[in-house]
């Protein structure tokens, strides 16, 4: 009886770990956009764009074999480039201020924290 219960528990653990790996390893462009868009709307103040929505936006950028680029444009003219790793959702951020020609590392986020 103990062997049957042990086998059953082992099978359940294996199946649940396989399902977790499958969902985390399949980042789509839509997921990258949605997660970054949710992050930007929760982090940045969008009230200045209420009267003129075109001054702030989130859009897809270039795609490579390993990353999706999602670009946030602020009303200040600054851009934040989000580089979403297609395999695990880790997202590197890089801020660029064109008027000063300055690029700086802006940290990382976990995409899955911002997906609904």
PDB file of N, CA and C in Angstrom:
ATOM      1  N   UNK A   1       0.816  -1.206   0.000  1.00  0.00           N
ATOM      2  CA  UNK A   1       0.000   0.000   0.000  1.00  0.00           C
ATOM      3  C   UNK A   1       0.859   1.269   0.000  1.00  0.00           C
ATOM      4  N   UNK A   2       1.961   1.250   0.787  1.00  0.00           N
ATOM      5  CA  UNK A   2       2.847   2.412   0.834  1.00  0.00           C
ATOM      6  C   UNK A   2       3.459   2.684  -0.534  1.00  0.00           C
ATOM      7  N   UNK A   3       3.766   1.628  -1.285  1.00  0.00           N
ATOM      8  CA  UNK A   3       4.364   1.794  -2.603  1.00  0.00           C
ATOM      9  C   UNK A   3       3.393   2.468  -3.568  1.00  0.00           C
ATOM     10  N   UNK A   4       2.137   2.119  -3.479  1.00  0.00           N
ATOM     11  CA  UNK A   4       1.128   2.708  -4.356  1.00  0.00           C
ATOM     12  C   UNK A   4       0.972   4.201  -4.037  1.00  0.00           C
ATOM     13  N   UNK A   5       0.885   4.543  -2.767  1.00  0.00           N
ATOM     14  CA  UNK A   5       0.741   5.939  -2.365  1.00  0.00           C
ATOM     15  C   UNK A   5       1.982   6.730  -2.772  1.00  0.00           C
ATOM     16  N   UNK A   6       3.163   6.162  -2.528  1.00  0.00           N
ATOM     17  CA  UNK A   6       4.412   6.823  -2.901  1.00  0.00           C
ATOM     18  C   UNK A   6       4.476   7.048  -4.408  1.00  0.00           C
ATOM     19  N   UNK A   7       4.106   6.036  -5.186  1.00  0.00           N
ATOM     20  CA  UNK A   7       4.111   6.155  -6.647  1.00  0.00           C
ATOM     21  C   UNK A   7       3.140   7.234  -7.108  1.00  0.00           C
ATOM     22  N   UNK A   8       1.981   7.278  -6.508  1.00  0.00           N
ATOM     23  CA  UNK A   8       0.964   8.264  -6.850  1.00  0.00           C
ATOM     24  C   UNK A   8       1.476   9.686  -6.577  1.00  0.00           C
ATOM     25  N   UNK A   9       2.080   9.890  -5.417  1.00  0.00           N
ATOM     26  CA  UNK A   9       2.620  11.201  -5.061  1.00  0.00           C
ATOM     27  C   UNK A   9       3.746  11.591  -6.017  1.00  0.00           C
ATOM     28  N   UNK A  10       4.605  10.653  -6.348  1.00  0.00           N
ATOM     29  CA  UNK A  10       5.709  10.914  -7.270  1.00  0.00           C
ATOM     30  C   UNK A  10       5.190  11.309  -8.651  1.00  0.00           C
ATOM     31  N   UNK A  11       4.185  10.630  -9.143  1.00  0.00           N
ATOM     32  CA  UNK A  11       3.598  10.954 -10.457  1.00  0.00           C
ATOM     33  C   UNK A  11       3.004  12.358 -10.442  1.00  0.00           C
ATOM     34  N   UNK A  12       2.291  12.704  -9.376  1.00  0.00           N
ATOM     35  CA  UNK A  12       1.690  14.042  -9.260  1.00  0.00           C
ATOM     36  C   UNK A  12       2.786  15.116  -9.266  1.00  0.00           C
ATOM     37  N   UNK A  13       3.859  14.884  -8.512  1.00  0.00           N
ATOM     38  CA  UNK A  13       4.946  15.864  -8.482  1.00  0.00           C
ATOM     39  C   UNK A  13       5.593  16.028  -9.851  1.00  0.00           C
ATOM     40  N   UNK A  14       5.820  14.942 -10.550  1.00  0.00           N
ATOM     41  CA  UNK A  14       6.424  15.017 -11.875  1.00  0.00           C
ATOM     42  C   UNK A  14       5.528  15.760 -12.861  1.00  0.00           C
ATOM     43  N   UNK A  15       4.247  15.461 -12.824  1.00  0.00           N
ATOM     44  CA  UNK A  15       3.320  16.132 -13.737  1.00  0.00           C
ATOM     45  C   UNK A  15       3.229  17.629 -13.447  1.00  0.00           C
ATOM     46  N   UNK A  16       3.178  17.999 -12.177  1.00  0.00           N
ATOM     47  CA  UNK A  16       3.068  19.425 -11.854  1.00  0.00           C
ATOM     48  C   UNK A  16       4.343  20.168 -12.215  1.00  0.00           C
ATOM     49  N   UNK A  17       5.518  19.554 -12.064  1.00  0.00           N
ATOM     50  CA  UNK A  17       6.749  20.242 -12.453  1.00  0.00           C
ATOM     51  C   UNK A  17       6.842  20.384 -13.966  1.00  0.00           C
ATOM     52  N   UNK A  18       6.345  19.419 -14.712  1.00  0.00           N
ATOM     53  CA  UNK A  18       6.350  19.527 -16.175  1.00  0.00           C
ATOM     54  C   UNK A  18       5.442  20.655 -16.634  1.00  0.00           C
ATOM     55  N   UNK A  19       4.302  20.825 -15.994  1.00  0.00           N
ATOM     56  CA  UNK A  19       3.379  21.890 -16.376  1.00  0.00           C
ATOM     57  C   UNK A  19       3.980  23.257 -16.081  1.00  0.00           C
ATOM     58  N   UNK A  20       4.695  23.390 -14.980  1.00  0.00           N
ATOM     59  CA  UNK A  20       5.319  24.658 -14.637  1.00  0.00           C
ATOM     60  C   UNK A  20       6.396  25.013 -15.645  1.00  0.00           C
ATOM     61  N   UNK A  21       7.220  24.056 -16.009  1.00  0.00           N
ATOM     62  CA  UNK A  21       8.278  24.310 -16.978  1.00  0.00           C
ATOM     63  C   UNK A  21       7.673  24.736 -18.314  1.00  0.00           C
ATOM     64  N   UNK A  22       6.617  24.086 -18.740  1.00  0.00           N
ATOM     65  CA  UNK A  22       6.001  24.412 -20.018  1.00  0.00           C
ATOM     66  C   UNK A  22       5.457  25.829 -20.066  1.00  0.00           C
ATOM     67  N   UNK A  23       4.843  26.312 -18.992  1.00  0.00           N
ATOM     68  CA  UNK A  23       4.256  27.638 -19.029  1.00  0.00           C
ATOM     69  C   UNK A  23       5.307  28.727 -18.908  1.00  0.00           C
ATOM     70  N   UNK A  24       6.363  28.489 -18.144  1.00  0.00           N
ATOM     71  CA  UNK A  24       7.388  29.519 -17.996  1.00  0.00           C
ATOM     72  C   UNK A  24       8.295  29.601 -19.208  1.00  0.00           C
ATOM     73  N   UNK A  25       8.393  28.545 -19.990  1.00  0.00           N
ATOM     74  CA  UNK A  25       9.335  28.531 -21.091  1.00  0.00           C
ATOM     75  C   UNK A  25       8.776  29.005 -22.408  1.00  0.00           C
ATOM     76  N   UNK A  26       7.542  29.420 -22.440  1.00  0.00           N
ATOM     77  CA  UNK A  26       6.899  29.773 -23.698  1.00  0.00           C
ATOM     78  C   UNK A  26       6.404  31.213 -23.667  1.00  0.00           C
ATOM     79  N   UNK A  27       7.318  32.168 -23.647  1.00  0.00           N
ATOM     80  CA  UNK A  27       6.929  33.575 -23.644  1.00  0.00           C
ATOM     81  C   UNK A  27       6.587  33.970 -25.077  1.00  0.00           C
ATOM     82  N   UNK A  28       5.401  34.529 -25.260  1.00  0.00           N
ATOM     83  CA  UNK A  28       4.991  34.994 -26.579  1.00  0.00           C
ATOM     84  C   UNK A  28       5.150  36.515 -26.644  1.00  0.00           C
ATOM     85  N   UNK A  29       5.082  37.052 -27.835  1.00  0.00           N
ATOM     86  CA  UNK A  29       5.155  38.504 -28.007  1.00  0.00           C
ATOM     87  C   UNK A  29       3.985  39.180 -27.287  1.00  0.00           C
ATOM     88  N   UNK A  30       2.824  38.549 -27.320  1.00  0.00           N
ATOM     89  CA  UNK A  30       1.650  39.114 -26.650  1.00  0.00           C
ATOM     90  C   UNK A  30       1.863  39.170 -25.137  1.00  0.00           C
ATOM     91  N   UNK A  31       2.459  38.114 -24.581  1.00  0.00           N
ATOM     92  CA  UNK A  31       2.744  38.093 -23.146  1.00  0.00           C
ATOM     93  C   UNK A  31       3.755  39.175 -22.780  1.00  0.00           C
ATOM     94  N   UNK A  32       4.782  39.333 -23.611  1.00  0.00           N
ATOM     95  CA  UNK A  32       5.801  40.360 -23.358  1.00  0.00           C
ATOM     96  C   UNK A  32       5.157  41.741 -23.346  1.00  0.00           C
ATOM     97  N   UNK A  33       4.327  42.021 -24.339  1.00  0.00           N
ATOM     98  CA  UNK A  33       3.661  43.322 -24.413  1.00  0.00           C
ATOM     99  C   UNK A  33       2.740  43.534 -23.209  1.00  0.00           C
ATOM    100  N   UNK A  34       1.916  42.533 -22.899  1.00  0.00           N
ATOM    101  CA  UNK A  34       0.956  42.676 -21.798  1.00  0.00           C
ATOM    102  C   UNK A  34       1.661  42.903 -20.459  1.00  0.00           C
ATOM    103  N   UNK A  35       2.695  42.125 -20.194  1.00  0.00           N
ATOM    104  CA  UNK A  35       3.413  42.269 -18.926  1.00  0.00           C
ATOM    105  C   UNK A  35       4.085  43.622 -18.790  1.00  0.00           C
ATOM    106  N   UNK A  36       4.759  44.070 -19.846  1.00  0.00           N
ATOM    107  CA  UNK A  36       5.431  45.370 -19.804  1.00  0.00           C
ATOM    108  C   UNK A  36       4.394  46.492 -19.729  1.00  0.00           C
ATOM    109  N   UNK A  37       3.319  46.388 -20.475  1.00  0.00           N
ATOM    110  CA  UNK A  37       2.263  47.394 -20.437  1.00  0.00           C
ATOM    111  C   UNK A  37       1.674  47.499 -19.023  1.00  0.00           C
ATOM    112  N   UNK A  38       1.412  46.360 -18.391  1.00  0.00           N
ATOM    113  CA  UNK A  38       0.892  46.367 -17.019  1.00  0.00           C
ATOM    114  C   UNK A  38       1.898  46.999 -16.060  1.00  0.00           C
ATOM    115  N   UNK A  39       3.170  46.664 -16.231  1.00  0.00           N
ATOM    116  CA  UNK A  39       4.216  47.253 -15.385  1.00  0.00           C
ATOM    117  C   UNK A  39       4.231  48.776 -15.552  1.00  0.00           C
ATOM    118  N   UNK A  40       4.235  49.244 -16.784  1.00  0.00           N
ATOM    119  CA  UNK A  40       4.297  50.685 -17.048  1.00  0.00           C
ATOM    120  C   UNK A  40       3.089  51.419 -16.485  1.00  0.00           C
ATOM    121  N   UNK A  41       1.915  50.818 -16.603  1.00  0.00           N
ATOM    122  CA  UNK A  41       0.714  51.476 -16.077  1.00  0.00           C
ATOM    123  C   UNK A  41       0.676  51.472 -14.552  1.00  0.00           C
ATOM    124  N   UNK A  42       1.355  50.510 -13.926  1.00  0.00           N
ATOM    125  CA  UNK A  42       1.373  50.491 -12.461  1.00  0.00           C
ATOM    126  C   UNK A  42       2.527  51.309 -11.882  1.00  0.00           C
ATOM    127  N   UNK A  43       3.545  51.594 -12.673  1.00  0.00           N
ATOM    128  CA  UNK A  43       4.740  52.266 -12.167  1.00  0.00           C
ATOM    129  C   UNK A  43       4.790  53.745 -12.511  1.00  0.00           C
ATOM    130  N   UNK A  44       4.410  54.099 -13.720  1.00  0.00           N
ATOM    131  CA  UNK A  44       4.532  55.480 -14.185  1.00  0.00           C
ATOM    132  C   UNK A  44       3.206  56.222 -14.068  1.00  0.00           C
ATOM    133  N   UNK A  45       3.290  57.527 -13.897  1.00  0.00           N
ATOM    134  CA  UNK A  45       2.109  58.384 -13.775  1.00  0.00           C
ATOM    135  C   UNK A  45       1.570  58.703 -15.170  1.00  0.00           C
ATOM    136  N   UNK A  46       0.412  58.171 -15.486  1.00  0.00           N
ATOM    137  CA  UNK A  46      -0.200  58.375 -16.803  1.00  0.00           C
ATOM    138  C   UNK A  46      -1.201  59.529 -16.803  1.00  0.00           C
ATOM    139  N   UNK A  47      -1.378  60.205 -15.673  1.00  0.00           N
ATOM    140  CA  UNK A  47      -2.386  61.267 -15.601  1.00  0.00           C
ATOM    141  C   UNK A  47      -2.080  62.409 -16.574  1.00  0.00           C
ATOM    142  N   UNK A  48      -0.806  62.660 -16.840  1.00  0.00           N
ATOM    143  CA  UNK A  48      -0.461  63.738 -17.778  1.00  0.00           C
ATOM    144  C   UNK A  48      -0.881  63.406 -19.200  1.00  0.00           C
ATOM    145  N   UNK A  49      -1.125  62.146 -19.478  1.00  0.00           N
ATOM    146  CA  UNK A  49      -1.515  61.732 -20.828  1.00  0.00           C
ATOM    147  C   UNK A  49      -3.033  61.663 -20.999  1.00  0.00           C
ATOM    148  N   UNK A  50      -3.789  62.002 -19.963  1.00  0.00           N
ATOM    149  CA  UNK A  50      -5.249  61.930 -20.080  1.00  0.00           C
ATOM    150  C   UNK A  50      -5.783  62.876 -21.147  1.00  0.00           C
ATOM    151  N   UNK A  51      -5.246  64.074 -21.210  1.00  0.00           N
ATOM    152  CA  UNK A  51      -5.729  65.042 -22.197  1.00  0.00           C
ATOM    153  C   UNK A  51      -5.078  64.837 -23.566  1.00  0.00           C
ATOM    154  N   UNK A  52      -3.935  64.164 -23.599  1.00  0.00           N
ATOM    155  CA  UNK A  52      -3.240  63.922 -24.857  1.00  0.00           C
ATOM    156  C   UNK A  52      -2.581  62.529 -24.804  1.00  0.00           C
ATOM    157  N   UNK A  53      -3.345  61.480 -25.079  1.00  0.00           N
ATOM    158  CA  UNK A  53      -2.848  60.111 -24.937  1.00  0.00           C
ATOM    159  C   UNK A  53      -1.649  59.774 -25.822  1.00  0.00           C
ATOM    160  N   UNK A  54      -1.416  60.543 -26.859  1.00  0.00           N
ATOM    161  CA  UNK A  54      -0.324  60.222 -27.774  1.00  0.00           C
ATOM    162  C   UNK A  54       1.059  60.561 -27.219  1.00  0.00           C
ATOM    163  N   UNK A  55       1.135  61.257 -26.069  1.00  0.00           N
ATOM    164  CA  UNK A  55       2.454  61.625 -25.546  1.00  0.00           C
ATOM    165  C   UNK A  55       3.109  60.500 -24.743  1.00  0.00           C
ATOM    166  N   UNK A  56       2.364  59.445 -24.414  1.00  0.00           N
ATOM    167  CA  UNK A  56       2.921  58.285 -23.703  1.00  0.00           C
ATOM    168  C   UNK A  56       2.385  57.028 -24.373  1.00  0.00           C
ATOM    169  N   UNK A  57       3.256  56.057 -24.571  1.00  0.00           N
ATOM    170  CA  UNK A  57       2.765  54.802 -25.137  1.00  0.00           C
ATOM    171  C   UNK A  57       3.718  53.645 -24.862  1.00  0.00           C
ATOM    172  N   UNK A  58       3.221  52.455 -25.119  1.00  0.00           N
ATOM    173  CA  UNK A  58       3.993  51.219 -25.050  1.00  0.00           C
ATOM    174  C   UNK A  58       3.810  50.537 -26.399  1.00  0.00           C
ATOM    175  N   UNK A  59       4.918  50.127 -27.007  1.00  0.00           N
ATOM    176  CA  UNK A  59       4.831  49.463 -28.311  1.00  0.00           C
ATOM    177  C   UNK A  59       5.914  48.396 -28.427  1.00  0.00           C
ATOM    178  N   UNK A  60       5.680  47.459 -29.317  1.00  0.00           N
ATOM    179  CA  UNK A  60       6.662  46.402 -29.564  1.00  0.00           C
ATOM    180  C   UNK A  60       7.818  46.973 -30.371  1.00  0.00           C
ATOM    181  N   UNK A  61       9.021  46.499 -30.056  1.00  0.00           N
ATOM    182  CA  UNK A  61      10.216  46.873 -30.798  1.00  0.00           C
ATOM    183  C   UNK A  61      10.711  45.671 -31.592  1.00  0.00           C
ATOM    184  N   UNK A  62      12.010  45.551 -31.691  1.00  0.00           N
ATOM    185  CA  UNK A  62      12.621  44.471 -32.463  1.00  0.00           C
ATOM    186  C   UNK A  62      12.570  43.147 -31.694  1.00  0.00           C
ATOM    187  N   UNK A  63      12.621  42.069 -32.455  1.00  0.00           N
ATOM    188  CA  UNK A  63      12.650  40.728 -31.875  1.00  0.00           C
ATOM    189  C   UNK A  63      13.924  40.028 -32.338  1.00  0.00           C
ATOM    190  N   UNK A  64      14.587  39.351 -31.395  1.00  0.00           N
ATOM    191  CA  UNK A  64      15.742  38.523 -31.749  1.00  0.00           C
ATOM    192  C   UNK A  64      15.381  37.073 -31.451  1.00  0.00           C
ATOM    193  N   UNK A  65      16.326  36.175 -31.643  1.00  0.00           N
ATOM    194  CA  UNK A  65      16.085  34.772 -31.330  1.00  0.00           C
ATOM    195  C   UNK A  65      15.804  34.548 -29.850  1.00  0.00           C
ATOM    196  N   UNK A  66      16.357  35.406 -28.990  1.00  0.00           N
ATOM    197  CA  UNK A  66      16.234  35.182 -27.555  1.00  0.00           C
ATOM    198  C   UNK A  66      15.406  36.216 -26.800  1.00  0.00           C
ATOM    199  N   UNK A  67      15.110  37.365 -27.410  1.00  0.00           N
ATOM    200  CA  UNK A  67      14.388  38.413 -26.680  1.00  0.00           C
ATOM    201  C   UNK A  67      13.334  39.117 -27.530  1.00  0.00           C
ATOM    202  N   UNK A  68      12.364  39.671 -26.802  1.00  0.00           N
ATOM    203  CA  UNK A  68      11.419  40.632 -27.382  1.00  0.00           C
ATOM    204  C   UNK A  68      11.792  41.987 -26.805  1.00  0.00           C
ATOM    205  N   UNK A  69      11.719  43.009 -27.622  1.00  0.00           N
ATOM    206  CA  UNK A  69      11.925  44.364 -27.134  1.00  0.00           C
ATOM    207  C   UNK A  69      10.561  45.046 -27.076  1.00  0.00           C
ATOM    208  N   UNK A  70      10.266  45.649 -25.924  1.00  0.00           N
ATOM    209  CA  UNK A  70       9.053  46.439 -25.757  1.00  0.00           C
ATOM    210  C   UNK A  70       9.517  47.824 -25.320  1.00  0.00           C
ATOM    211  N   UNK A  71       8.965  48.863 -25.945  1.00  0.00           N
ATOM    212  CA  UNK A  71       9.442  50.228 -25.709  1.00  0.00           C
ATOM    213  C   UNK A  71       8.347  51.067 -25.060  1.00  0.00           C
ATOM    214  N   UNK A  72       8.705  51.711 -23.946  1.00  0.00           N
ATOM    215  CA  UNK A  72       7.819  52.667 -23.285  1.00  0.00           C
ATOM    216  C   UNK A  72       8.346  54.063 -23.581  1.00  0.00           C
ATOM    217  N   UNK A  73       7.460  54.934 -24.064  1.00  0.00           N
ATOM    218  CA  UNK A  73       7.827  56.331 -24.308  1.00  0.00           C
ATOM    219  C   UNK A  73       7.098  57.200 -23.304  1.00  0.00           C
ATOM    220  N   UNK A  74       7.851  57.984 -22.553  1.00  0.00           N
ATOM    221  CA  UNK A  74       7.296  58.858 -21.531  1.00  0.00           C
ATOM    222  C   UNK A  74       6.962  60.223 -22.113  1.00  0.00           C
ATOM    223  N   UNK A  75       6.112  60.947 -21.439  1.00  0.00           N
ATOM    224  CA  UNK A  75       5.775  62.304 -21.861  1.00  0.00           C
ATOM    225  C   UNK A  75       6.992  63.228 -21.784  1.00  0.00           C
ATOM    226  N   UNK A  76       8.029  62.829 -21.058  1.00  0.00           N
ATOM    227  CA  UNK A  76       9.243  63.648 -20.938  1.00  0.00           C
ATOM    228  C   UNK A  76      10.149  63.507 -22.153  1.00  0.00           C
ATOM    229  N   UNK A  77       9.851  62.535 -23.005  1.00  0.00           N
ATOM    230  CA  UNK A  77      10.695  62.280 -24.165  1.00  0.00           C
ATOM    231  C   UNK A  77      11.671  61.138 -23.947  1.00  0.00           C
ATOM    232  N   UNK A  78      11.734  60.626 -22.731  1.00  0.00           N
ATOM    233  CA  UNK A  78      12.616  59.501 -22.429  1.00  0.00           C
ATOM    234  C   UNK A  78      11.969  58.198 -22.892  1.00  0.00           C
ATOM    235  N   UNK A  79      12.815  57.225 -23.179  1.00  0.00           N
ATOM    236  CA  UNK A  79      12.366  55.899 -23.575  1.00  0.00           C
ATOM    237  C   UNK A  79      12.919  54.883 -22.576  1.00  0.00           C
ATOM    238  N   UNK A  80      12.112  53.883 -22.263  1.00  0.00           N
ATOM    239  CA  UNK A  80      12.605  52.745 -21.502  1.00  0.00           C
ATOM    240  C   UNK A  80      12.433  51.529 -22.396  1.00  0.00           C
ATOM    241  N   UNK A  81      13.556  50.892 -22.718  1.00  0.00           N
ATOM    242  CA  UNK A  81      13.540  49.680 -23.529  1.00  0.00           C
ATOM    243  C   UNK A  81      13.526  48.477 -22.599  1.00  0.00           C
ATOM    244  N   UNK A  82      12.556  47.612 -22.792  1.00  0.00           N
ATOM    245  CA  UNK A  82      12.429  46.391 -22.014  1.00  0.00           C
ATOM    246  C   UNK A  82      12.852  45.235 -22.913  1.00  0.00           C
ATOM    247  N   UNK A  83      13.802  44.436 -22.458  1.00  0.00           N
ATOM    248  CA  UNK A  83      14.274  43.277 -23.217  1.00  0.00           C
ATOM    249  C   UNK A  83      13.808  42.029 -22.478  1.00  0.00           C
ATOM    250  N   UNK A  84      12.774  41.374 -23.015  1.00  0.00           N
ATOM    251  CA  UNK A  84      12.133  40.230 -22.368  1.00  0.00           C
ATOM    252  C   UNK A  84      12.767  38.944 -22.876  1.00  0.00           C
ATOM    253  N   UNK A  85      13.352  38.176 -21.970  1.00  0.00           N
ATOM    254  CA  UNK A  85      13.944  36.884 -22.314  1.00  0.00           C
ATOM    255  C   UNK A  85      12.816  35.914 -22.654  1.00  0.00           C
ATOM    256  N   UNK A  86      12.876  35.319 -23.838  1.00  0.00           N
ATOM    257  CA  UNK A  86      11.804  34.438 -24.314  1.00  0.00           C
ATOM    258  C   UNK A  86      11.694  33.137 -23.525  1.00  0.00           C
ATOM    259  N   UNK A  87      12.752  32.722 -22.872  1.00  0.00           N
ATOM    260  CA  UNK A  87      12.714  31.433 -22.181  1.00  0.00           C
ATOM    261  C   UNK A  87      12.243  31.514 -20.742  1.00  0.00           C
ATOM    262  N   UNK A  88      12.515  32.625 -20.047  1.00  0.00           N
ATOM    263  CA  UNK A  88      12.165  32.645 -18.623  1.00  0.00           C
ATOM    264  C   UNK A  88      11.428  33.900 -18.160  1.00  0.00           C
ATOM    265  N   UNK A  89      11.248  34.890 -19.021  1.00  0.00           N
ATOM    266  CA  UNK A  89      10.486  36.084 -18.659  1.00  0.00           C
ATOM    267  C   UNK A  89      11.278  37.153 -17.928  1.00  0.00           C
ATOM    268  N   UNK A  90      12.547  36.894 -17.625  1.00  0.00           N
ATOM    269  CA  UNK A  90      13.354  37.931 -16.993  1.00  0.00           C
ATOM    270  C   UNK A  90      13.474  39.105 -17.960  1.00  0.00           C
ATOM    271  N   UNK A  91      13.232  40.286 -17.453  1.00  0.00           N
ATOM    272  CA  UNK A  91      13.162  41.466 -18.310  1.00  0.00           C
ATOM    273  C   UNK A  91      14.167  42.516 -17.855  1.00  0.00           C
ATOM    274  N   UNK A  92      15.091  42.842 -18.735  1.00  0.00           N
ATOM    275  CA  UNK A  92      16.101  43.861 -18.473  1.00  0.00           C
ATOM    276  C   UNK A  92      15.599  45.193 -19.009  1.00  0.00           C
ATOM    277  N   UNK A  93      15.796  46.253 -18.225  1.00  0.00           N
ATOM    278  CA  UNK A  93      15.334  47.578 -18.628  1.00  0.00           C
ATOM    279  C   UNK A  93      16.533  48.499 -18.862  1.00  0.00           C
ATOM    280  N   UNK A  94      16.418  49.298 -19.917  1.00  0.00           N
ATOM    281  CA  UNK A  94      17.452  50.280 -20.242  1.00  0.00           C
ATOM    282  C   UNK A  94      16.762  51.591 -20.587  1.00  0.00           C
ATOM    283  N   UNK A  95      17.121  52.653 -19.877  1.00  0.00           N
ATOM    284  CA  UNK A  95      16.514  53.960 -20.123  1.00  0.00           C
ATOM    285  C   UNK A  95      17.395  54.759 -21.089  1.00  0.00           C
ATOM    286  N   UNK A  96      16.736  55.465 -22.001  1.00  0.00           N
ATOM    287  CA  UNK A  96      17.448  56.297 -22.961  1.00  0.00           C
ATOM    288  C   UNK A  96      16.792  57.671 -23.012  1.00  0.00           C
ATOM    289  N   UNK A  97      17.605  58.717 -22.825  1.00  0.00           N
ATOM    290  CA  UNK A  97      17.131  60.096 -22.901  1.00  0.00           C
ATOM    291  C   UNK A  97      17.758  60.715 -24.147  1.00  0.00           C
ATOM    292  N   UNK A  98      16.995  60.811 -25.255  1.00  0.00           N
ATOM    293  CA  UNK A  98      17.548  61.305 -26.516  1.00  0.00           C
ATOM    294  C   UNK A  98      18.099  62.723 -26.446  1.00  0.00           C
ATOM    295  N   UNK A  99      17.447  63.599 -25.705  1.00  0.00           N
ATOM    296  CA  UNK A  99      17.899  64.997 -25.658  1.00  0.00           C
ATOM    297  C   UNK A  99      19.284  65.132 -25.025  1.00  0.00           C
ATOM    298  N   UNK A 100      19.652  64.168 -24.178  1.00  0.00           N
ATOM    299  CA  UNK A 100      20.978  64.189 -23.547  1.00  0.00           C
ATOM    300  C   UNK A 100      21.903  63.129 -24.128  1.00  0.00           C
ATOM    301  N   UNK A 101      21.351  62.281 -24.989  1.00  0.00           N
ATOM    302  CA  UNK A 101      22.066  61.140 -25.551  1.00  0.00           C
ATOM    303  C   UNK A 101      22.695  60.280 -24.449  1.00  0.00           C
ATOM    304  N   UNK A 102      21.861  59.948 -23.433  1.00  0.00           N
ATOM    305  CA  UNK A 102      22.323  59.176 -22.279  1.00  0.00           C
ATOM    306  C   UNK A 102      21.526  57.883 -22.183  1.00  0.00           C
ATOM    307  N   UNK A 103      22.259  56.769 -22.087  1.00  0.00           N
ATOM    308  CA  UNK A 103      21.655  55.460 -21.834  1.00  0.00           C
ATOM    309  C   UNK A 103      22.089  54.994 -20.458  1.00  0.00           C
ATOM    310  N   UNK A 104      21.159  54.370 -19.730  1.00  0.00           N
ATOM    311  CA  UNK A 104      21.535  53.838 -18.422  1.00  0.00           C
ATOM    312  C   UNK A 104      20.730  52.582 -18.112  1.00  0.00           C
ATOM    313  N   UNK A 105      21.356  51.699 -17.362  1.00  0.00           N
ATOM    314  CA  UNK A 105      20.704  50.483 -16.917  1.00  0.00           C
ATOM    315  C   UNK A 105      19.622  50.868 -15.910  1.00  0.00           C
ATOM    316  N   UNK A 106      18.419  50.330 -16.091  1.00  0.00           N
ATOM    317  CA  UNK A 106      17.310  50.695 -15.205  1.00  0.00           C
ATOM    318  C   UNK A 106      16.810  49.513 -14.382  1.00  0.00           C
ATOM    319  N   UNK A 107      17.560  48.409 -14.350  1.00  0.00           N
ATOM    320  CA  UNK A 107      17.188  47.272 -13.514  1.00  0.00           C
ATOM    321  C   UNK A 107      16.516  46.153 -14.285  1.00  0.00           C
ATOM    322  N   UNK A 108      15.867  45.275 -13.526  1.00  0.00           N
ATOM    323  CA  UNK A 108      15.167  44.132 -14.114  1.00  0.00           C
ATOM    324  C   UNK A 108      13.822  43.940 -13.419  1.00  0.00           C
ATOM    325  N   UNK A 109      12.927  43.271 -14.117  1.00  0.00           N
ATOM    326  CA  UNK A 109      11.656  42.847 -13.532  1.00  0.00           C
ATOM    327  C   UNK A 109      11.404  41.408 -13.967  1.00  0.00           C
ATOM    328  N   UNK A 110      10.523  40.738 -13.263  1.00  0.00           N
ATOM    329  CA  UNK A 110      10.067  39.415 -13.672  1.00  0.00           C
ATOM    330  C   UNK A 110       8.729  39.596 -14.378  1.00  0.00           C
ATOM    331  N   UNK A 111       8.675  39.249 -15.641  1.00  0.00           N
ATOM    332  CA  UNK A 111       7.481  39.457 -16.453  1.00  0.00           C
ATOM    333  C   UNK A 111       6.255  38.797 -15.827  1.00  0.00           C
ATOM    334  N   UNK A 112       6.421  37.606 -15.273  1.00  0.00           N
ATOM    335  CA  UNK A 112       5.277  36.873 -14.722  1.00  0.00           C
ATOM    336  C   UNK A 112       4.626  37.593 -13.551  1.00  0.00           C
ATOM    337  N   UNK A 113       5.358  38.514 -12.899  1.00  0.00           N
ATOM    338  CA  UNK A 113       4.764  39.303 -11.823  1.00  0.00           C
ATOM    339  C   UNK A 113       3.732  40.291 -12.345  1.00  0.00           C
ATOM    340  N   UNK A 114       3.733  40.564 -13.650  1.00  0.00           N
ATOM    341  CA  UNK A 114       2.851  41.577 -14.233  1.00  0.00           C
ATOM    342  C   UNK A 114       1.867  41.013 -15.249  1.00  0.00           C
ATOM    343  N   UNK A 115       1.796  39.703 -15.324  1.00  0.00           N
ATOM    344  CA  UNK A 115       0.799  39.069 -16.194  1.00  0.00           C
ATOM    345  C   UNK A 115      -0.411  38.685 -15.352  1.00  0.00           C
ATOM    346  N   UNK A 116      -1.588  38.918 -15.876  1.00  0.00           N
ATOM    347  CA  UNK A 116      -2.818  38.605 -15.133  1.00  0.00           C
ATOM    348  C   UNK A 116      -3.208  37.173 -15.364  1.00  0.00           C
TER     349      UNK A 116
END
